[in-house]
Amino acid sequence: MNRRTLRERNTVRAMVRIYCRGYHGSRDCLCDECATLLEYAEMRLVRCLLADDKPTCTQCPIHCYEKSMRDRMREVMRYSGPRMLTRHPVMAIRHLADGRKKTRNLRRRG
């Protein structure tokens, strides 16, 4: 896994933790629902067809999430996004910067 993908994985982990703590009151570990979502998201990151050229998921031309999981992740990001700026400011700024980058040469990994 490249640095960019690792950074995205850590960002998703942080966002799911923030969401789970806020909505489900989980402090030390994730509830089953959030753990399942995080496991799904990490699996999708590992199996991403775009590899090193991967944009953020919102900018990606390939939507690999099932609709239900995409909707759940969207809800997590809407809640966690603003809170990331105070809890993980560097991670949040890097994620925003990654989302603004134009991706060149999107190629499939083969």
N, C-alpha and C. Protein backbone atom coordinates (compact mmCIF):
# COMPACT_ATOMS: atom_id res chain seq x y z
N MET A 1 0.85 -1.18 0.00
CA MET A 1 0.00 0.00 0.00
C MET A 1 0.90 1.25 0.00
N ASN A 2 0.58 2.21 -0.84
CA ASN A 2 1.41 3.42 -0.92
C ASN A 2 1.05 4.41 0.20
N ARG A 3 1.86 5.45 0.34
CA ARG A 3 1.66 6.44 1.40
C ARG A 3 0.31 7.12 1.33
N ARG A 4 -0.08 7.47 0.16
CA ARG A 4 -1.35 8.17 -0.03
C ARG A 4 -2.53 7.30 0.42
N THR A 5 -2.50 6.02 0.07
CA THR A 5 -3.57 5.10 0.45
C THR A 5 -3.55 4.86 1.96
N LEU A 6 -2.36 4.76 2.54
CA LEU A 6 -2.26 4.61 4.00
C LEU A 6 -2.84 5.83 4.71
N ARG A 7 -2.54 7.00 4.18
CA ARG A 7 -3.06 8.24 4.76
C ARG A 7 -4.59 8.26 4.67
N GLU A 8 -5.12 7.83 3.55
CA GLU A 8 -6.57 7.80 3.39
C GLU A 8 -7.19 6.79 4.35
N ARG A 9 -6.54 5.65 4.52
CA ARG A 9 -7.05 4.64 5.45
C ARG A 9 -7.08 5.19 6.88
N ASN A 10 -6.02 5.88 7.29
CA ASN A 10 -5.99 6.47 8.63
C ASN A 10 -7.06 7.54 8.80
N THR A 11 -7.31 8.30 7.75
CA THR A 11 -8.35 9.33 7.80
C THR A 11 -9.73 8.70 7.95
N VAL A 12 -10.00 7.65 7.20
CA VAL A 12 -11.29 6.96 7.30
C VAL A 12 -11.46 6.38 8.70
N ARG A 13 -10.40 5.79 9.23
CA ARG A 13 -10.47 5.24 10.59
C ARG A 13 -10.83 6.32 11.60
N ALA A 14 -10.16 7.46 11.50
CA ALA A 14 -10.43 8.56 12.43
C ALA A 14 -11.86 9.05 12.30
N MET A 15 -12.35 9.17 11.08
CA MET A 15 -13.72 9.66 10.86
C MET A 15 -14.76 8.68 11.41
N VAL A 16 -14.54 7.40 11.21
CA VAL A 16 -15.48 6.41 11.72
C VAL A 16 -15.47 6.42 13.25
N ARG A 17 -14.30 6.57 13.85
CA ARG A 17 -14.23 6.64 15.32
C ARG A 17 -14.99 7.85 15.86
N ILE A 18 -14.80 8.99 15.23
CA ILE A 18 -15.50 10.20 15.65
C ILE A 18 -17.01 10.00 15.55
N TYR A 19 -17.45 9.45 14.45
CA TYR A 19 -18.88 9.21 14.23
C TYR A 19 -19.43 8.24 15.27
N CYS A 20 -18.74 7.13 15.48
CA CYS A 20 -19.21 6.10 16.41
C CYS A 20 -19.29 6.65 17.83
N ARG A 21 -18.30 7.42 18.20
CA ARG A 21 -18.31 8.01 19.54
C ARG A 21 -19.47 9.00 19.68
N GLY A 22 -19.72 9.79 18.65
CA GLY A 22 -20.78 10.79 18.71
C GLY A 22 -22.18 10.20 18.64
N TYR A 23 -22.38 9.19 17.80
CA TYR A 23 -23.71 8.63 17.60
C TYR A 23 -24.01 7.43 18.48
N HIS A 24 -23.00 6.62 18.74
CA HIS A 24 -23.24 5.37 19.46
C HIS A 24 -22.60 5.34 20.85
N GLY A 25 -21.91 6.40 21.22
CA GLY A 25 -21.32 6.50 22.55
C GLY A 25 -20.13 5.59 22.78
N SER A 26 -19.57 5.03 21.74
CA SER A 26 -18.42 4.14 21.89
C SER A 26 -17.17 4.95 22.20
N ARG A 27 -16.47 4.56 23.22
CA ARG A 27 -15.25 5.29 23.60
C ARG A 27 -13.99 4.53 23.21
N ASP A 28 -13.85 3.30 23.66
CA ASP A 28 -12.61 2.55 23.45
C ASP A 28 -12.58 1.77 22.15
N CYS A 29 -13.72 1.26 21.73
CA CYS A 29 -13.76 0.47 20.50
C CYS A 29 -15.03 0.81 19.72
N LEU A 30 -15.07 0.38 18.48
CA LEU A 30 -16.21 0.67 17.62
C LEU A 30 -17.36 -0.29 17.90
N CYS A 31 -18.56 0.17 17.68
CA CYS A 31 -19.72 -0.72 17.75
C CYS A 31 -19.67 -1.65 16.53
N ASP A 32 -20.48 -2.68 16.52
CA ASP A 32 -20.45 -3.66 15.43
C ASP A 32 -20.76 -3.01 14.07
N GLU A 33 -21.74 -2.12 14.06
CA GLU A 33 -22.14 -1.46 12.81
C GLU A 33 -20.99 -0.64 12.22
N CYS A 34 -20.33 0.13 13.06
CA CYS A 34 -19.22 0.97 12.58
C CYS A 34 -17.99 0.13 12.25
N ALA A 35 -17.75 -0.94 13.00
CA ALA A 35 -16.63 -1.83 12.71
C ALA A 35 -16.82 -2.48 11.34
N THR A 36 -18.05 -2.86 11.03
CA THR A 36 -18.34 -3.46 9.73
C THR A 36 -18.10 -2.45 8.60
N LEU A 37 -18.54 -1.22 8.80
CA LEU A 37 -18.34 -0.18 7.80
C LEU A 37 -16.86 0.09 7.59
N LEU A 38 -16.10 0.18 8.67
CA LEU A 38 -14.66 0.43 8.56
C LEU A 38 -13.96 -0.71 7.85
N GLU A 39 -14.30 -1.93 8.19
CA GLU A 39 -13.70 -3.10 7.53
C GLU A 39 -14.00 -3.08 6.03
N TYR A 40 -15.22 -2.73 5.67
CA TYR A 40 -15.62 -2.64 4.26
C TYR A 40 -14.80 -1.56 3.54
N ALA A 41 -14.69 -0.39 4.17
CA ALA A 41 -13.94 0.72 3.56
C ALA A 41 -12.47 0.36 3.38
N GLU A 42 -11.88 -0.28 4.36
CA GLU A 42 -10.48 -0.67 4.25
C GLU A 42 -10.28 -1.72 3.15
N MET A 43 -11.22 -2.64 3.04
CA MET A 43 -11.13 -3.65 1.99
C MET A 43 -11.19 -2.97 0.61
N ARG A 44 -12.05 -1.98 0.46
CA ARG A 44 -12.16 -1.27 -0.82
C ARG A 44 -10.89 -0.49 -1.13
N LEU A 45 -10.27 0.09 -0.12
CA LEU A 45 -9.02 0.80 -0.35
C LEU A 45 -7.91 -0.14 -0.81
N VAL A 46 -7.81 -1.29 -0.18
CA VAL A 46 -6.78 -2.26 -0.55
C VAL A 46 -7.00 -2.77 -1.97
N ARG A 47 -8.24 -2.95 -2.36
CA ARG A 47 -8.55 -3.51 -3.68
C ARG A 47 -8.77 -2.45 -4.76
N CYS A 48 -8.47 -1.21 -4.46
CA CYS A 48 -8.71 -0.13 -5.41
C CYS A 48 -8.01 -0.39 -6.73
N LEU A 49 -8.75 -0.26 -7.81
CA LEU A 49 -8.22 -0.50 -9.15
C LEU A 49 -7.26 0.60 -9.62
N LEU A 50 -7.33 1.76 -9.02
CA LEU A 50 -6.53 2.88 -9.49
C LEU A 50 -5.17 2.99 -8.80
N ALA A 51 -4.96 2.22 -7.76
CA ALA A 51 -3.67 2.11 -7.06
C ALA A 51 -3.05 3.47 -6.74
N ASP A 52 -1.87 3.75 -7.27
CA ASP A 52 -1.12 4.95 -6.93
C ASP A 52 -1.80 6.24 -7.41
N ASP A 53 -2.61 6.13 -8.43
CA ASP A 53 -3.28 7.32 -8.99
C ASP A 53 -4.65 7.56 -8.39
N LYS A 54 -4.95 6.88 -7.29
CA LYS A 54 -6.28 6.96 -6.70
C LYS A 54 -6.60 8.36 -6.19
N PRO A 55 -7.72 8.92 -6.63
CA PRO A 55 -8.18 10.18 -6.06
C PRO A 55 -8.98 9.88 -4.79
N THR A 56 -9.46 10.91 -4.10
CA THR A 56 -10.37 10.64 -2.98
C THR A 56 -11.62 10.01 -3.55
N CYS A 57 -12.33 9.28 -2.73
CA CYS A 57 -13.48 8.52 -3.22
C CYS A 57 -14.54 9.41 -3.88
N THR A 58 -14.73 10.62 -3.38
CA THR A 58 -15.74 11.49 -3.98
C THR A 58 -15.35 11.94 -5.39
N GLN A 59 -14.05 11.95 -5.68
CA GLN A 59 -13.57 12.37 -7.00
C GLN A 59 -13.34 11.18 -7.95
N CYS A 60 -13.53 9.98 -7.45
CA CYS A 60 -13.19 8.78 -8.22
C CYS A 60 -14.22 8.49 -9.31
N PRO A 61 -13.76 8.15 -10.51
CA PRO A 61 -14.69 7.80 -11.59
C PRO A 61 -15.29 6.40 -11.43
N ILE A 62 -14.69 5.57 -10.56
CA ILE A 62 -15.19 4.22 -10.32
C ILE A 62 -15.82 4.19 -8.94
N HIS A 63 -17.11 3.96 -8.86
CA HIS A 63 -17.78 3.90 -7.56
C HIS A 63 -17.88 2.44 -7.14
N CYS A 64 -16.95 2.01 -6.31
CA CYS A 64 -16.87 0.59 -5.96
C CYS A 64 -17.67 0.24 -4.71
N TYR A 65 -18.17 1.24 -3.98
CA TYR A 65 -18.97 0.95 -2.80
C TYR A 65 -20.38 0.56 -3.22
N GLU A 66 -20.97 -0.40 -2.49
CA GLU A 66 -22.39 -0.69 -2.67
C GLU A 66 -23.15 0.56 -2.26
N LYS A 67 -24.32 0.75 -2.80
CA LYS A 67 -25.08 1.97 -2.52
C LYS A 67 -25.33 2.17 -1.03
N SER A 68 -25.72 1.12 -0.33
CA SER A 68 -26.02 1.25 1.11
C SER A 68 -24.76 1.66 1.88
N MET A 69 -23.64 1.08 1.54
CA MET A 69 -22.38 1.42 2.22
C MET A 69 -21.93 2.84 1.85
N ARG A 70 -22.13 3.22 0.61
CA ARG A 70 -21.77 4.58 0.18
C ARG A 70 -22.60 5.60 0.95
N ASP A 71 -23.89 5.31 1.13
CA ASP A 71 -24.75 6.22 1.89
C ASP A 71 -24.32 6.30 3.36
N ARG A 72 -23.96 5.17 3.93
CA ARG A 72 -23.50 5.17 5.32
C ARG A 72 -22.21 5.95 5.47
N MET A 73 -21.27 5.75 4.53
CA MET A 73 -20.00 6.46 4.60
C MET A 73 -20.21 7.97 4.40
N ARG A 74 -21.11 8.32 3.54
CA ARG A 74 -21.43 9.74 3.32
C ARG A 74 -21.95 10.36 4.62
N GLU A 75 -22.80 9.64 5.34
CA GLU A 75 -23.32 10.11 6.62
C GLU A 75 -22.19 10.27 7.64
N VAL A 76 -21.28 9.32 7.69
CA VAL A 76 -20.13 9.39 8.59
C VAL A 76 -19.29 10.62 8.26
N MET A 77 -19.03 10.84 6.99
CA MET A 77 -18.18 11.96 6.60
C MET A 77 -18.85 13.31 6.85
N ARG A 78 -20.14 13.39 6.67
CA ARG A 78 -20.85 14.65 6.96
C ARG A 78 -20.76 15.00 8.44
N TYR A 79 -20.87 14.00 9.29
CA TYR A 79 -20.79 14.25 10.73
C TYR A 79 -19.34 14.51 11.14
N SER A 80 -18.42 13.67 10.68
CA SER A 80 -17.04 13.71 11.15
C SER A 80 -16.20 14.81 10.51
N GLY A 81 -16.50 15.17 9.28
CA GLY A 81 -15.69 16.14 8.55
C GLY A 81 -15.41 17.42 9.32
N PRO A 82 -16.45 18.12 9.78
CA PRO A 82 -16.19 19.36 10.52
C PRO A 82 -15.44 19.12 11.84
N ARG A 83 -15.66 17.99 12.47
CA ARG A 83 -15.01 17.67 13.73
C ARG A 83 -13.54 17.29 13.54
N MET A 84 -13.20 16.83 12.35
CA MET A 84 -11.81 16.47 12.06
C MET A 84 -10.89 17.69 12.17
N LEU A 85 -11.40 18.86 11.84
CA LEU A 85 -10.57 20.07 11.90
C LEU A 85 -10.08 20.38 13.31
N THR A 86 -10.86 20.02 14.33
CA THR A 86 -10.42 20.29 15.70
C THR A 86 -9.71 19.09 16.31
N ARG A 87 -10.07 17.88 15.90
CA ARG A 87 -9.49 16.68 16.53
C ARG A 87 -8.25 16.16 15.81
N HIS A 88 -8.22 16.29 14.49
CA HIS A 88 -7.08 15.84 13.68
C HIS A 88 -6.83 16.86 12.57
N PRO A 89 -6.39 18.06 12.93
CA PRO A 89 -6.30 19.14 11.92
C PRO A 89 -5.36 18.83 10.75
N VAL A 90 -4.22 18.25 11.00
CA VAL A 90 -3.28 17.97 9.91
C VAL A 90 -3.88 16.93 8.96
N MET A 91 -4.46 15.90 9.52
CA MET A 91 -5.09 14.85 8.72
C MET A 91 -6.23 15.44 7.88
N ALA A 92 -7.02 16.31 8.48
CA ALA A 92 -8.15 16.92 7.78
C ALA A 92 -7.68 17.80 6.62
N ILE A 93 -6.66 18.58 6.86
CA ILE A 93 -6.15 19.48 5.82
C ILE A 93 -5.55 18.66 4.67
N ARG A 94 -4.83 17.61 5.00
CA ARG A 94 -4.27 16.75 3.94
C ARG A 94 -5.37 16.09 3.12
N HIS A 95 -6.42 15.66 3.80
CA HIS A 95 -7.55 15.03 3.09
C HIS A 95 -8.23 16.05 2.16
N LEU A 96 -8.41 17.26 2.64
CA LEU A 96 -8.99 18.31 1.79
C LEU A 96 -8.08 18.61 0.60
N ALA A 97 -6.78 18.66 0.84
CA ALA A 97 -5.84 18.91 -0.26
C ALA A 97 -5.86 17.77 -1.27
N ASP A 98 -5.91 16.54 -0.79
CA ASP A 98 -5.98 15.39 -1.70
C ASP A 98 -7.23 15.45 -2.56
N GLY A 99 -8.32 15.91 -1.98
CA GLY A 99 -9.58 16.01 -2.72
C GLY A 99 -9.58 17.09 -3.78
N ARG A 100 -8.70 18.06 -3.65
CA ARG A 100 -8.64 19.15 -4.62
C ARG A 100 -7.67 18.88 -5.75
N LYS A 101 -6.79 17.90 -5.56
CA LYS A 101 -5.81 17.60 -6.60
C LYS A 101 -6.49 17.03 -7.83
N LYS A 102 -6.01 17.46 -8.95
CA LYS A 102 -6.49 16.88 -10.22
C LYS A 102 -5.69 15.62 -10.45
N THR A 103 -6.37 14.56 -10.78
CA THR A 103 -5.67 13.31 -11.03
C THR A 103 -5.39 13.19 -12.51
N ARG A 104 -4.14 12.95 -12.80
CA ARG A 104 -3.72 12.76 -14.18
C ARG A 104 -3.57 11.27 -14.42
N ASN A 105 -3.77 10.86 -15.62
CA ASN A 105 -3.42 9.52 -16.03
C ASN A 105 -4.03 8.45 -15.13
N LEU A 106 -5.34 8.45 -15.01
CA LEU A 106 -5.98 7.41 -14.23
C LEU A 106 -5.90 6.10 -15.01
N ARG A 107 -5.14 5.20 -14.48
CA ARG A 107 -4.97 3.91 -15.16
C ARG A 107 -5.37 2.79 -14.22
N ARG A 108 -5.81 1.73 -14.80
CA ARG A 108 -6.20 0.56 -14.00
C ARG A 108 -4.97 -0.28 -13.69
N ARG A 109 -4.97 -0.81 -12.49
CA ARG A 109 -3.90 -1.71 -12.09
C ARG A 109 -4.19 -3.07 -12.69
N GLY A 110 -3.21 -3.73 -13.23
CA GLY A 110 -3.48 -4.98 -13.89
C GLY A 110 -2.69 -6.08 -13.49
